[in-house]
Amino acid sequence: MILAVVLLLIGFVILVKGADFLVEGASSLAKKFNISNLAIGLTVVAFGTSMPEMVVNIIASLNGESDAAFGNVIGSNNFNLLLILGVSGTIFPLVVQRKTVKYEVPLSLVAVLLLYLLVNDGQLRNKDENVLSRIDAGILLLLFAAFLFYIYRTMKSTIDQEENEAVKIFPPWKSIGLFALGLVMLVGGGKLVVDKAVEIADYFGLSKKLIGLTILAAGTSLPELATSAVAAIRKNTDIAIGNVVGSNIFNICLVLGVSGSISPIPFNTAINFDIYVLGIATVLIMIFMFTLSVRKLDRWEAVILLVGYIIYTVYLVNLEQ
């Protein structure tokens, strides 16, 4: 069992480093074609930080581990909103752009509500079980396409101030090599993570749902945690919160959309509670952004999010006992 835990941790390291290599290679190639830093940040980097969830989910759904697949996405989103924003906001109060409050946070709430409706429509389809069908997955992908269009409009209307770190430019062969290596590491690390997480769950008699909501969720959210924490330390607060909100939209619309398109995923209605938590957390973020210090997450508000995540995690663990 110790070996399984060690291999799980190694798998997470491979996943995160693989995502890093993929982002570096893709960003370098994009820069070669004179694509701005802003465009790279909103597309390549955003895709890259969601790749661990994507790979783990595809492997889990193909292996028939539907609870782990849903738990990974919902758990990652709760981890992002409650823990990552809690940690980042405690380090430094997060001030965000008006468009994030006006469009991106509400869109992330729409994604949560849409997912809830799609996975609980079994009765409407006269089915005994709820499932994320290929049609449902297509609807999520359509919402993701709308989000991409929004990003495109944002890029056109925003001047690239080149405030972010300069993208490293490598020779084409090295860029392609980094991209390919990152992809291989993501697939290999993802397979290792899923296999060992399931092995650990079976050993301790834990549900795949709990493993997905906790271990897989935390592990696959490491890129977002690192990005947001570093951004908060550097007082680049818009990146800290924009990264989290954008990642949540990516996770629901793209990750579940692609996973469900490959193979329909049965839904365990016990996970509805975790969707409720996600919905409440998203609404809470909206309330914090519209009250008192407008468009700002104060430290005391960040602490509330942190405490909320601790209570939620304790509840999940006690539920298994």
C-alpha atoms as a PDB file:
ATOM      1  CA  MET A   1       0.000   0.000   0.000  1.00  0.00           C
ATOM      2  CA  ILE A   2       2.929   2.335   0.727  1.00  0.00           C
ATOM      3  CA  LEU A   3       4.124   1.662  -2.825  1.00  0.00           C
ATOM      4  CA  ALA A   4       0.686   2.578  -4.200  1.00  0.00           C
ATOM      5  CA  VAL A   5       0.747   5.926  -2.311  1.00  0.00           C
ATOM      6  CA  VAL A   6       4.292   6.669  -3.539  1.00  0.00           C
ATOM      7  CA  LEU A   7       3.310   5.822  -7.125  1.00  0.00           C
ATOM      8  CA  LEU A   8       0.196   8.028  -6.777  1.00  0.00           C
ATOM      9  CA  LEU A   9       2.364  10.975  -5.709  1.00  0.00           C
ATOM     10  CA  ILE A  10       4.802  10.254  -8.552  1.00  0.00           C
ATOM     11  CA  GLY A  11       1.828  10.203 -10.922  1.00  0.00           C
ATOM     12  CA  PHE A  12       0.744  13.659  -9.736  1.00  0.00           C
ATOM     13  CA  VAL A  13       4.288  15.007 -10.215  1.00  0.00           C
ATOM     14  CA  ILE A  14       4.357  13.569 -13.756  1.00  0.00           C
ATOM     15  CA  LEU A  15       0.909  15.077 -14.445  1.00  0.00           C
ATOM     16  CA  VAL A  16       1.825  18.568 -13.255  1.00  0.00           C
ATOM     17  CA  LYS A  17       5.237  18.580 -14.942  1.00  0.00           C
ATOM     18  CA  GLY A  18       3.671  17.206 -18.114  1.00  0.00           C
ATOM     19  CA  ALA A  19       1.157  20.069 -18.150  1.00  0.00           C
ATOM     20  CA  ASP A  20       4.064  22.491 -17.599  1.00  0.00           C
ATOM     21  CA  PHE A  21       6.039  21.075 -20.544  1.00  0.00           C
ATOM     22  CA  LEU A  22       2.949  21.114 -22.766  1.00  0.00           C
ATOM     23  CA  VAL A  23       2.240  24.770 -21.904  1.00  0.00           C
ATOM     24  CA  GLU A  24       5.875  25.803 -22.461  1.00  0.00           C
ATOM     25  CA  GLY A  25       6.062  24.072 -25.840  1.00  0.00           C
ATOM     26  CA  ALA A  26       2.675  25.312 -27.038  1.00  0.00           C
ATOM     27  CA  SER A  27       3.307  28.874 -25.781  1.00  0.00           C
ATOM     28  CA  SER A  28       6.664  29.000 -27.553  1.00  0.00           C
ATOM     29  CA  LEU A  29       5.078  27.814 -30.812  1.00  0.00           C
ATOM     30  CA  ALA A  30       2.259  30.353 -30.409  1.00  0.00           C
ATOM     31  CA  LYS A  31       4.752  33.170 -29.838  1.00  0.00           C
ATOM     32  CA  LYS A  32       6.564  32.136 -33.017  1.00  0.00           C
ATOM     33  CA  PHE A  33       3.350  33.046 -34.880  1.00  0.00           C
ATOM     34  CA  ASN A  34       3.218  36.454 -33.118  1.00  0.00           C
ATOM     35  CA  ILE A  35       0.295  35.541 -30.853  1.00  0.00           C
ATOM     36  CA  SER A  36       0.096  37.962 -27.911  1.00  0.00           C
ATOM     37  CA  ASN A  37       0.786  37.062 -24.280  1.00  0.00           C
ATOM     38  CA  LEU A  38      -2.846  37.819 -23.438  1.00  0.00           C
ATOM     39  CA  ALA A  39      -4.138  35.391 -26.050  1.00  0.00           C
ATOM     40  CA  ILE A  40      -1.667  32.726 -24.906  1.00  0.00           C
ATOM     41  CA  GLY A  41      -2.737  33.186 -21.273  1.00  0.00           C
ATOM     42  CA  LEU A  42      -6.445  32.941 -22.060  1.00  0.00           C
ATOM     43  CA  THR A  43      -6.092  29.871 -24.265  1.00  0.00           C
ATOM     44  CA  VAL A  44      -2.897  27.807 -24.106  1.00  0.00           C
ATOM     45  CA  VAL A  45      -2.221  28.266 -20.368  1.00  0.00           C
ATOM     46  CA  ALA A  46      -5.897  27.822 -19.466  1.00  0.00           C
ATOM     47  CA  PHE A  47      -6.039  24.591 -21.481  1.00  0.00           C
ATOM     48  CA  GLY A  48      -2.781  23.440 -19.934  1.00  0.00           C
ATOM     49  CA  THR A  49      -3.894  23.848 -16.320  1.00  0.00           C
ATOM     50  CA  SER A  50      -7.077  21.868 -17.101  1.00  0.00           C
ATOM     51  CA  MET A  51      -5.244  19.038 -18.888  1.00  0.00           C
ATOM     52  CA  PRO A  52      -4.661  16.946 -15.712  1.00  0.00           C
ATOM     53  CA  GLU A  53      -8.431  16.889 -15.051  1.00  0.00           C
ATOM     54  CA  MET A  54      -9.074  16.122 -18.713  1.00  0.00           C
ATOM     55  CA  VAL A  55      -6.680  13.165 -18.921  1.00  0.00           C
ATOM     56  CA  VAL A  56      -7.687  11.699 -15.538  1.00  0.00           C
ATOM     57  CA  ASN A  57     -11.373  11.990 -16.452  1.00  0.00           C
ATOM     58  CA  ILE A  58     -11.031  10.366 -19.859  1.00  0.00           C
ATOM     59  CA  ILE A  59      -9.107   7.446 -18.362  1.00  0.00           C
ATOM     60  CA  ALA A  60     -11.540   7.112 -15.452  1.00  0.00           C
ATOM     61  CA  SER A  61     -14.614   7.147 -17.724  1.00  0.00           C
ATOM     62  CA  LEU A  62     -13.056   4.637 -20.134  1.00  0.00           C
ATOM     63  CA  ASN A  63     -12.307   2.385 -17.116  1.00  0.00           C
ATOM     64  CA  GLY A  64     -15.942   2.669 -16.005  1.00  0.00           C
ATOM     65  CA  GLU A  65     -15.012   4.685 -12.887  1.00  0.00           C
ATOM     66  CA  SER A  66     -17.868   7.185 -13.296  1.00  0.00           C
ATOM     67  CA  ASP A  67     -17.893   8.304  -9.643  1.00  0.00           C
ATOM     68  CA  ALA A  68     -14.196   9.134  -9.862  1.00  0.00           C
ATOM     69  CA  ALA A  69     -14.790  11.023 -13.137  1.00  0.00           C
ATOM     70  CA  PHE A  70     -17.588  13.217 -11.758  1.00  0.00           C
ATOM     71  CA  GLY A  71     -15.918  13.492  -8.352  1.00  0.00           C
ATOM     72  CA  ASN A  72     -12.694  14.709  -9.965  1.00  0.00           C
ATOM     73  CA  VAL A  73     -14.393  17.595 -11.800  1.00  0.00           C
ATOM     74  CA  ILE A  74     -16.826  18.664  -9.062  1.00  0.00           C
ATOM     75  CA  GLY A  75     -14.165  18.190  -6.382  1.00  0.00           C
ATOM     76  CA  SER A  76     -11.599  20.160  -8.401  1.00  0.00           C
ATOM     77  CA  ASN A  77     -14.034  23.046  -8.832  1.00  0.00           C
ATOM     78  CA  ASN A  78     -14.850  23.111  -5.106  1.00  0.00           C
ATOM     79  CA  PHE A  79     -11.113  22.935  -4.371  1.00  0.00           C
ATOM     80  CA  ASN A  80     -10.550  25.858  -6.759  1.00  0.00           C
ATOM     81  CA  LEU A  81     -13.243  28.131  -5.343  1.00  0.00           C
ATOM     82  CA  LEU A  82     -12.968  27.359  -1.634  1.00  0.00           C
ATOM     83  CA  LEU A  83      -9.344  26.389  -1.004  1.00  0.00           C
ATOM     84  CA  ILE A  84      -7.385  28.096  -3.790  1.00  0.00           C
ATOM     85  CA  LEU A  85      -9.272  31.406  -3.614  1.00  0.00           C
ATOM     86  CA  GLY A  86      -9.238  31.081   0.185  1.00  0.00           C
ATOM     87  CA  VAL A  87      -5.458  30.672   0.255  1.00  0.00           C
ATOM     88  CA  SER A  88      -4.830  33.321  -2.433  1.00  0.00           C
ATOM     89  CA  GLY A  89      -7.185  35.857  -0.817  1.00  0.00           C
ATOM     90  CA  THR A  90      -5.600  35.315   2.593  1.00  0.00           C
ATOM     91  CA  ILE A  91      -2.153  36.017   1.108  1.00  0.00           C
ATOM     92  CA  PHE A  92      -3.381  39.223  -0.507  1.00  0.00           C
ATOM     93  CA  PRO A  93      -6.925  40.634  -1.066  1.00  0.00           C
ATOM     94  CA  LEU A  94      -8.025  39.837  -4.613  1.00  0.00           C
ATOM     95  CA  VAL A  95      -9.208  42.695  -6.812  1.00  0.00           C
ATOM     96  CA  VAL A  96     -10.722  41.570 -10.109  1.00  0.00           C
ATOM     97  CA  GLN A  97     -11.664  43.161 -13.402  1.00  0.00           C
ATOM     98  CA  ARG A  98     -15.246  44.247 -13.991  1.00  0.00           C
ATOM     99  CA  LYS A  99     -15.705  41.727 -16.828  1.00  0.00           C
ATOM    100  CA  THR A 100     -14.813  38.827 -14.503  1.00  0.00           C
ATOM    101  CA  VAL A 101     -17.593  39.811 -12.096  1.00  0.00           C
ATOM    102  CA  LYS A 102     -20.070  40.718 -14.827  1.00  0.00           C
ATOM    103  CA  TYR A 103     -19.582  37.768 -17.199  1.00  0.00           C
ATOM    104  CA  GLU A 104     -17.219  34.999 -16.096  1.00  0.00           C
ATOM    105  CA  VAL A 105     -18.505  34.292 -12.563  1.00  0.00           C
ATOM    106  CA  PRO A 106     -22.181  34.237 -13.695  1.00  0.00           C
ATOM    107  CA  LEU A 107     -21.202  31.988 -16.635  1.00  0.00           C
ATOM    108  CA  SER A 108     -19.537  29.564 -14.221  1.00  0.00           C
ATOM    109  CA  LEU A 109     -22.809  29.480 -12.227  1.00  0.00           C
ATOM    110  CA  VAL A 110     -24.761  28.786 -15.447  1.00  0.00           C
ATOM    111  CA  ALA A 111     -22.382  25.877 -16.122  1.00  0.00           C
ATOM    112  CA  VAL A 112     -23.080  24.423 -12.651  1.00  0.00           C
ATOM    113  CA  LEU A 113     -26.867  24.730 -13.058  1.00  0.00           C
ATOM    114  CA  LEU A 114     -26.753  23.265 -16.577  1.00  0.00           C
ATOM    115  CA  LEU A 115     -24.680  20.298 -15.405  1.00  0.00           C
ATOM    116  CA  TYR A 116     -27.136  19.645 -12.559  1.00  0.00           C
ATOM    117  CA  LEU A 117     -30.097  19.632 -14.955  1.00  0.00           C
ATOM    118  CA  LEU A 118     -28.362  17.429 -17.534  1.00  0.00           C
ATOM    119  CA  VAL A 119     -27.266  14.705 -15.088  1.00  0.00           C
ATOM    120  CA  ASN A 120     -30.592  14.577 -13.258  1.00  0.00           C
ATOM    121  CA  ASP A 121     -32.913  14.289 -16.242  1.00  0.00           C
ATOM    122  CA  GLY A 122     -33.290  10.493 -16.091  1.00  0.00           C
ATOM    123  CA  GLN A 123     -36.990  10.774 -15.264  1.00  0.00           C
ATOM    124  CA  LEU A 124     -37.563  13.015 -18.275  1.00  0.00           C
ATOM    125  CA  ARG A 125     -36.002  10.355 -20.508  1.00  0.00           C
ATOM    126  CA  ASN A 126     -37.951   7.545 -18.798  1.00  0.00           C
ATOM    127  CA  LYS A 127     -34.703   5.940 -17.662  1.00  0.00           C
ATOM    128  CA  ASP A 128     -34.010   4.188 -14.382  1.00  0.00           C
ATOM    129  CA  GLU A 129     -30.579   5.769 -14.051  1.00  0.00           C
ATOM    130  CA  ASN A 130     -29.176   9.220 -14.601  1.00  0.00           C
ATOM    131  CA  VAL A 131     -26.368   9.554 -17.106  1.00  0.00           C
ATOM    132  CA  LEU A 132     -24.357  12.228 -18.870  1.00  0.00           C
ATOM    133  CA  SER A 133     -25.212  11.199 -22.411  1.00  0.00           C
ATOM    134  CA  ARG A 134     -23.423  12.174 -25.609  1.00  0.00           C
ATOM    135  CA  ILE A 135     -26.201  14.702 -26.292  1.00  0.00           C
ATOM    136  CA  ASP A 136     -25.689  16.205 -22.814  1.00  0.00           C
ATOM    137  CA  ALA A 137     -21.941  16.328 -23.457  1.00  0.00           C
ATOM    138  CA  GLY A 138     -22.608  18.102 -26.758  1.00  0.00           C
ATOM    139  CA  ILE A 139     -24.657  20.765 -24.937  1.00  0.00           C
ATOM    140  CA  LEU A 140     -21.750  21.340 -22.515  1.00  0.00           C
ATOM    141  CA  LEU A 141     -19.363  21.654 -25.468  1.00  0.00           C
ATOM    142  CA  LEU A 142     -21.684  24.222 -27.075  1.00  0.00           C
ATOM    143  CA  LEU A 143     -21.521  26.302 -23.886  1.00  0.00           C
ATOM    144  CA  PHE A 144     -17.749  25.938 -23.991  1.00  0.00           C
ATOM    145  CA  ALA A 145     -17.758  27.183 -27.598  1.00  0.00           C
ATOM    146  CA  ALA A 146     -19.716  30.237 -26.401  1.00  0.00           C
ATOM    147  CA  PHE A 147     -17.066  30.776 -23.708  1.00  0.00           C
ATOM    148  CA  LEU A 148     -14.318  30.595 -26.348  1.00  0.00           C
ATOM    149  CA  PHE A 149     -16.193  33.202 -28.400  1.00  0.00           C
ATOM    150  CA  TYR A 150     -16.323  35.402 -25.302  1.00  0.00           C
ATOM    151  CA  ILE A 151     -12.550  34.967 -24.880  1.00  0.00           C
ATOM    152  CA  TYR A 152     -12.066  35.903 -28.558  1.00  0.00           C
ATOM    153  CA  ARG A 153     -14.130  39.076 -28.069  1.00  0.00           C
ATOM    154  CA  THR A 154     -12.162  39.870 -24.913  1.00  0.00           C
ATOM    155  CA  MET A 155      -8.879  39.510 -26.784  1.00  0.00           C
ATOM    156  CA  LYS A 156     -10.087  41.851 -29.520  1.00  0.00           C
ATOM    157  CA  SER A 157     -11.272  44.527 -27.082  1.00  0.00           C
ATOM    158  CA  THR A 158      -8.333  44.349 -24.655  1.00  0.00           C
ATOM    159  CA  ILE A 159      -4.927  45.867 -25.353  1.00  0.00           C
ATOM    160  CA  ASP A 160      -2.120  43.455 -24.582  1.00  0.00           C
ATOM    161  CA  GLN A 161      -0.013  45.323 -22.049  1.00  0.00           C
ATOM    162  CA  GLU A 162       2.548  42.481 -21.975  1.00  0.00           C
ATOM    163  CA  GLU A 163       2.454  42.609 -18.158  1.00  0.00           C
ATOM    164  CA  ASN A 164       2.659  38.877 -17.759  1.00  0.00           C
ATOM    165  CA  GLU A 165       5.982  37.049 -17.693  1.00  0.00           C
ATOM    166  CA  ALA A 166       7.526  36.926 -21.138  1.00  0.00           C
ATOM    167  CA  VAL A 167       6.908  33.636 -22.896  1.00  0.00           C
ATOM    168  CA  LYS A 168      10.093  31.632 -23.365  1.00  0.00           C
ATOM    169  CA  ILE A 169      10.847  31.100 -27.046  1.00  0.00           C
ATOM    170  CA  PHE A 170      12.588  27.861 -27.995  1.00  0.00           C
ATOM    171  CA  PRO A 171      13.741  26.539 -31.398  1.00  0.00           C
ATOM    172  CA  PRO A 172      10.832  24.850 -33.223  1.00  0.00           C
ATOM    173  CA  TRP A 173      12.239  21.344 -32.652  1.00  0.00           C
ATOM    174  CA  LYS A 174      12.468  21.942 -28.906  1.00  0.00           C
ATOM    175  CA  SER A 175       8.970  23.466 -28.746  1.00  0.00           C
ATOM    176  CA  ILE A 176       7.461  20.455 -30.525  1.00  0.00           C
ATOM    177  CA  GLY A 177       9.533  18.109 -28.363  1.00  0.00           C
ATOM    178  CA  LEU A 178       8.331  19.756 -25.128  1.00  0.00           C
ATOM    179  CA  PHE A 179       4.726  19.637 -26.342  1.00  0.00           C
ATOM    180  CA  ALA A 180       4.974  15.935 -27.266  1.00  0.00           C
ATOM    181  CA  LEU A 181       6.792  15.045 -24.036  1.00  0.00           C
ATOM    182  CA  GLY A 182       4.168  16.904 -22.016  1.00  0.00           C
ATOM    183  CA  LEU A 183       1.378  15.010 -23.765  1.00  0.00           C
ATOM    184  CA  VAL A 184       3.040  11.634 -23.112  1.00  0.00           C
ATOM    185  CA  MET A 185       3.634  12.537 -19.446  1.00  0.00           C
ATOM    186  CA  LEU A 186       0.013  13.635 -19.048  1.00  0.00           C
ATOM    187  CA  VAL A 187      -1.327  10.353 -20.405  1.00  0.00           C
ATOM    188  CA  GLY A 188       1.163   8.210 -18.463  1.00  0.00           C
ATOM    189  CA  GLY A 189       0.781  10.201 -15.246  1.00  0.00           C
ATOM    190  CA  GLY A 190      -3.001  10.220 -15.579  1.00  0.00           C
ATOM    191  CA  LYS A 191      -3.158   6.437 -15.986  1.00  0.00           C
ATOM    192  CA  LEU A 192      -0.886   5.971 -12.960  1.00  0.00           C
ATOM    193  CA  VAL A 193      -2.954   8.364 -10.828  1.00  0.00           C
ATOM    194  CA  VAL A 194      -6.301   6.747 -11.663  1.00  0.00           C
ATOM    195  CA  ASP A 195      -5.036   3.187 -11.189  1.00  0.00           C
ATOM    196  CA  LYS A 196      -3.359   3.899  -7.841  1.00  0.00           C
ATOM    197  CA  ALA A 197      -6.220   6.042  -6.531  1.00  0.00           C
ATOM    198  CA  VAL A 198      -8.663   3.197  -7.224  1.00  0.00           C
ATOM    199  CA  GLU A 199      -6.250   0.712  -5.619  1.00  0.00           C
ATOM    200  CA  ILE A 200      -6.007   2.848  -2.462  1.00  0.00           C
ATOM    201  CA  ALA A 201      -9.791   3.271  -2.340  1.00  0.00           C
ATOM    202  CA  ASP A 202     -10.311  -0.487  -2.564  1.00  0.00           C
ATOM    203  CA  TYR A 203      -7.665  -1.175   0.105  1.00  0.00           C
ATOM    204  CA  PHE A 204      -9.257   1.160   2.665  1.00  0.00           C
ATOM    205  CA  GLY A 205     -12.836   0.413   1.626  1.00  0.00           C
ATOM    206  CA  LEU A 206     -13.393   4.001   0.483  1.00  0.00           C
ATOM    207  CA  SER A 207     -15.804   4.975  -2.270  1.00  0.00           C
ATOM    208  CA  LYS A 208     -14.560   6.088  -5.683  1.00  0.00           C
ATOM    209  CA  LYS A 209     -16.681   9.208  -5.144  1.00  0.00           C
ATOM    210  CA  LEU A 210     -14.682  10.246  -2.063  1.00  0.00           C
ATOM    211  CA  ILE A 211     -11.363   9.560  -3.804  1.00  0.00           C
ATOM    212  CA  GLY A 212     -12.462  11.640  -6.789  1.00  0.00           C
ATOM    213  CA  LEU A 213     -13.722  14.513  -4.617  1.00  0.00           C
ATOM    214  CA  THR A 214     -10.577  14.673  -2.478  1.00  0.00           C
ATOM    215  CA  ILE A 215      -7.348  13.028  -3.666  1.00  0.00           C
ATOM    216  CA  LEU A 216      -7.922  13.267  -7.435  1.00  0.00           C
ATOM    217  CA  ALA A 217      -9.459  16.740  -7.121  1.00  0.00           C
ATOM    218  CA  ALA A 218      -6.559  18.130  -5.087  1.00  0.00           C
ATOM    219  CA  GLY A 219      -3.894  16.469  -7.214  1.00  0.00           C
ATOM    220  CA  THR A 220      -5.248  17.579 -10.579  1.00  0.00           C
ATOM    221  CA  SER A 221      -5.779  21.136  -9.249  1.00  0.00           C
ATOM    222  CA  LEU A 222      -2.101  21.605  -8.344  1.00  0.00           C
ATOM    223  CA  PRO A 223      -1.417  23.728 -11.489  1.00  0.00           C
ATOM    224  CA  GLU A 224      -4.263  26.104 -10.559  1.00  0.00           C
ATOM    225  CA  LEU A 225      -3.083  26.273  -6.922  1.00  0.00           C
ATOM    226  CA  ALA A 226       0.478  27.118  -7.959  1.00  0.00           C
ATOM    227  CA  THR A 227      -0.632  29.690 -10.553  1.00  0.00           C
ATOM    228  CA  SER A 228      -3.069  31.503  -8.231  1.00  0.00           C
ATOM    229  CA  ALA A 229      -0.806  31.464  -5.155  1.00  0.00           C
ATOM    230  CA  VAL A 230       2.167  32.869  -7.096  1.00  0.00           C
ATOM    231  CA  ALA A 231      -0.095  35.493  -8.726  1.00  0.00           C
ATOM    232  CA  ALA A 232      -1.382  36.552  -5.279  1.00  0.00           C
ATOM    233  CA  ILE A 233       2.149  36.776  -3.856  1.00  0.00           C
ATOM    234  CA  ARG A 234       3.121  38.984  -6.813  1.00  0.00           C
ATOM    235  CA  LYS A 235      -0.091  40.984  -6.247  1.00  0.00           C
ATOM    236  CA  ASN A 236      -1.243  40.127  -9.768  1.00  0.00           C
ATOM    237  CA  THR A 237      -4.662  39.405  -8.297  1.00  0.00           C
ATOM    238  CA  ASP A 238      -6.736  39.404 -11.472  1.00  0.00           C
ATOM    239  CA  ILE A 239      -4.803  36.387 -12.723  1.00  0.00           C
ATOM    240  CA  ALA A 240      -5.353  34.634  -9.380  1.00  0.00           C
ATOM    241  CA  ILE A 241      -9.156  34.741  -9.529  1.00  0.00           C
ATOM    242  CA  GLY A 242      -9.504  34.702 -13.337  1.00  0.00           C
ATOM    243  CA  ASN A 243      -7.466  31.498 -13.474  1.00  0.00           C
ATOM    244  CA  VAL A 244      -9.796  29.774 -11.002  1.00  0.00           C
ATOM    245  CA  VAL A 245     -13.093  30.911 -12.552  1.00  0.00           C
ATOM    246  CA  GLY A 246     -11.904  30.103 -16.061  1.00  0.00           C
ATOM    247  CA  SER A 247     -10.643  26.695 -14.949  1.00  0.00           C
ATOM    248  CA  ASN A 248     -14.035  25.849 -13.427  1.00  0.00           C
ATOM    249  CA  ILE A 249     -15.777  26.624 -16.717  1.00  0.00           C
ATOM    250  CA  PHE A 250     -13.179  24.549 -18.596  1.00  0.00           C
ATOM    251  CA  ASN A 251     -13.626  21.613 -16.197  1.00  0.00           C
ATOM    252  CA  ILE A 252     -17.408  21.384 -16.479  1.00  0.00           C
ATOM    253  CA  CYS A 253     -17.885  22.310 -20.124  1.00  0.00           C
ATOM    254  CA  LEU A 254     -14.744  20.956 -21.779  1.00  0.00           C
ATOM    255  CA  VAL A 255     -13.542  18.122 -19.518  1.00  0.00           C
ATOM    256  CA  LEU A 256     -16.989  16.581 -18.907  1.00  0.00           C
ATOM    257  CA  GLY A 257     -18.049  17.489 -22.444  1.00  0.00           C
ATOM    258  CA  VAL A 258     -15.158  15.578 -24.006  1.00  0.00           C
ATOM    259  CA  SER A 259     -15.392  12.698 -21.499  1.00  0.00           C
ATOM    260  CA  GLY A 260     -19.133  12.283 -22.098  1.00  0.00           C
ATOM    261  CA  SER A 261     -18.678  12.474 -25.878  1.00  0.00           C
ATOM    262  CA  ILE A 262     -16.208   9.574 -25.784  1.00  0.00           C
ATOM    263  CA  SER A 263     -18.401   7.432 -23.546  1.00  0.00           C
ATOM    264  CA  PRO A 264     -21.687   8.231 -21.711  1.00  0.00           C
ATOM    265  CA  ILE A 265     -21.015   8.515 -17.958  1.00  0.00           C
ATOM    266  CA  PRO A 266     -23.527   7.127 -15.395  1.00  0.00           C
ATOM    267  CA  PHE A 267     -24.230   9.673 -12.638  1.00  0.00           C
ATOM    268  CA  ASN A 268     -24.487   8.809  -8.946  1.00  0.00           C
ATOM    269  CA  THR A 269     -27.135  11.126  -7.449  1.00  0.00           C
ATOM    270  CA  ALA A 270     -25.171  11.150  -4.171  1.00  0.00           C
ATOM    271  CA  ILE A 271     -22.823  13.595  -5.948  1.00  0.00           C
ATOM    272  CA  ASN A 272     -25.715  16.095  -6.145  1.00  0.00           C
ATOM    273  CA  PHE A 273     -24.731  17.287  -2.660  1.00  0.00           C
ATOM    274  CA  ASP A 274     -21.292  18.254  -3.980  1.00  0.00           C
ATOM    275  CA  ILE A 275     -22.902  20.098  -6.899  1.00  0.00           C
ATOM    276  CA  TYR A 276     -25.014  22.002  -4.330  1.00  0.00           C
ATOM    277  CA  VAL A 277     -21.806  22.963  -2.493  1.00  0.00           C
ATOM    278  CA  LEU A 278     -20.280  24.130  -5.785  1.00  0.00           C
ATOM    279  CA  GLY A 279     -23.375  26.202  -6.598  1.00  0.00           C
ATOM    280  CA  ILE A 280     -23.411  27.786  -3.127  1.00  0.00           C
ATOM    281  CA  ALA A 281     -19.659  28.545  -3.336  1.00  0.00           C
ATOM    282  CA  THR A 282     -20.125  30.214  -6.739  1.00  0.00           C
ATOM    283  CA  VAL A 283     -23.041  32.326  -5.455  1.00  0.00           C
ATOM    284  CA  LEU A 284     -20.950  33.231  -2.398  1.00  0.00           C
ATOM    285  CA  ILE A 285     -18.153  34.494  -4.662  1.00  0.00           C
ATOM    286  CA  MET A 286     -20.710  36.617  -6.551  1.00  0.00           C
ATOM    287  CA  ILE A 287     -22.042  38.075  -3.276  1.00  0.00           C
ATOM    288  CA  PHE A 288     -18.525  38.893  -2.060  1.00  0.00           C
ATOM    289  CA  MET A 289     -17.748  40.619  -5.368  1.00  0.00           C
ATOM    290  CA  PHE A 290     -20.913  42.763  -5.359  1.00  0.00           C
ATOM    291  CA  THR A 291     -20.959  43.849  -1.684  1.00  0.00           C
ATOM    292  CA  LEU A 292     -18.803  45.989   0.613  1.00  0.00           C
ATOM    293  CA  SER A 293     -15.463  46.263  -1.251  1.00  0.00           C
ATOM    294  CA  VAL A 294     -16.908  45.938  -4.758  1.00  0.00           C
ATOM    295  CA  ARG A 295     -14.941  43.632  -7.118  1.00  0.00           C
ATOM    296  CA  LYS A 296     -12.663  42.619  -4.264  1.00  0.00           C
ATOM    297  CA  LEU A 297     -12.272  39.454  -2.205  1.00  0.00           C
ATOM    298  CA  ASP A 298     -11.165  40.661   1.238  1.00  0.00           C
ATOM    299  CA  ARG A 299      -9.080  38.555   3.627  1.00  0.00           C
ATOM    300  CA  TRP A 300     -12.008  37.849   5.979  1.00  0.00           C
ATOM    301  CA  GLU A 301     -14.089  36.672   3.011  1.00  0.00           C
ATOM    302  CA  ALA A 302     -11.203  34.422   1.907  1.00  0.00           C
ATOM    303  CA  VAL A 303     -11.055  32.954   5.425  1.00  0.00           C
ATOM    304  CA  ILE A 304     -14.772  32.117   5.182  1.00  0.00           C
ATOM    305  CA  LEU A 305     -14.043  30.177   1.989  1.00  0.00           C
ATOM    306  CA  LEU A 306     -11.171  28.300   3.677  1.00  0.00           C
ATOM    307  CA  VAL A 307     -13.305  27.373   6.690  1.00  0.00           C
ATOM    308  CA  GLY A 308     -16.054  26.264   4.309  1.00  0.00           C
ATOM    309  CA  TYR A 309     -13.657  23.896   2.538  1.00  0.00           C
ATOM    310  CA  ILE A 310     -12.456  22.420   5.835  1.00  0.00           C
ATOM    311  CA  ILE A 311     -16.054  21.786   6.987  1.00  0.00           C
ATOM    312  CA  TYR A 312     -16.940  20.281   3.589  1.00  0.00           C
ATOM    313  CA  THR A 313     -13.923  17.934   3.637  1.00  0.00           C
ATOM    314  CA  VAL A 314     -14.571  16.824   7.220  1.00  0.00           C
ATOM    315  CA  TYR A 315     -18.187  16.097   6.270  1.00  0.00           C
ATOM    316  CA  LEU A 316     -17.095  13.967   3.291  1.00  0.00           C
ATOM    317  CA  VAL A 317     -14.697  11.917   5.417  1.00  0.00           C
ATOM    318  CA  ASN A 318     -17.264  11.397   8.203  1.00  0.00           C
ATOM    319  CA  LEU A 319     -19.826  10.339   5.600  1.00  0.00           C
ATOM    320  CA  GLU A 320     -17.613   7.359   4.741  1.00  0.00           C
ATOM    321  CA  GLN A 321     -17.389   6.131   8.332  1.00  0.00           C
END
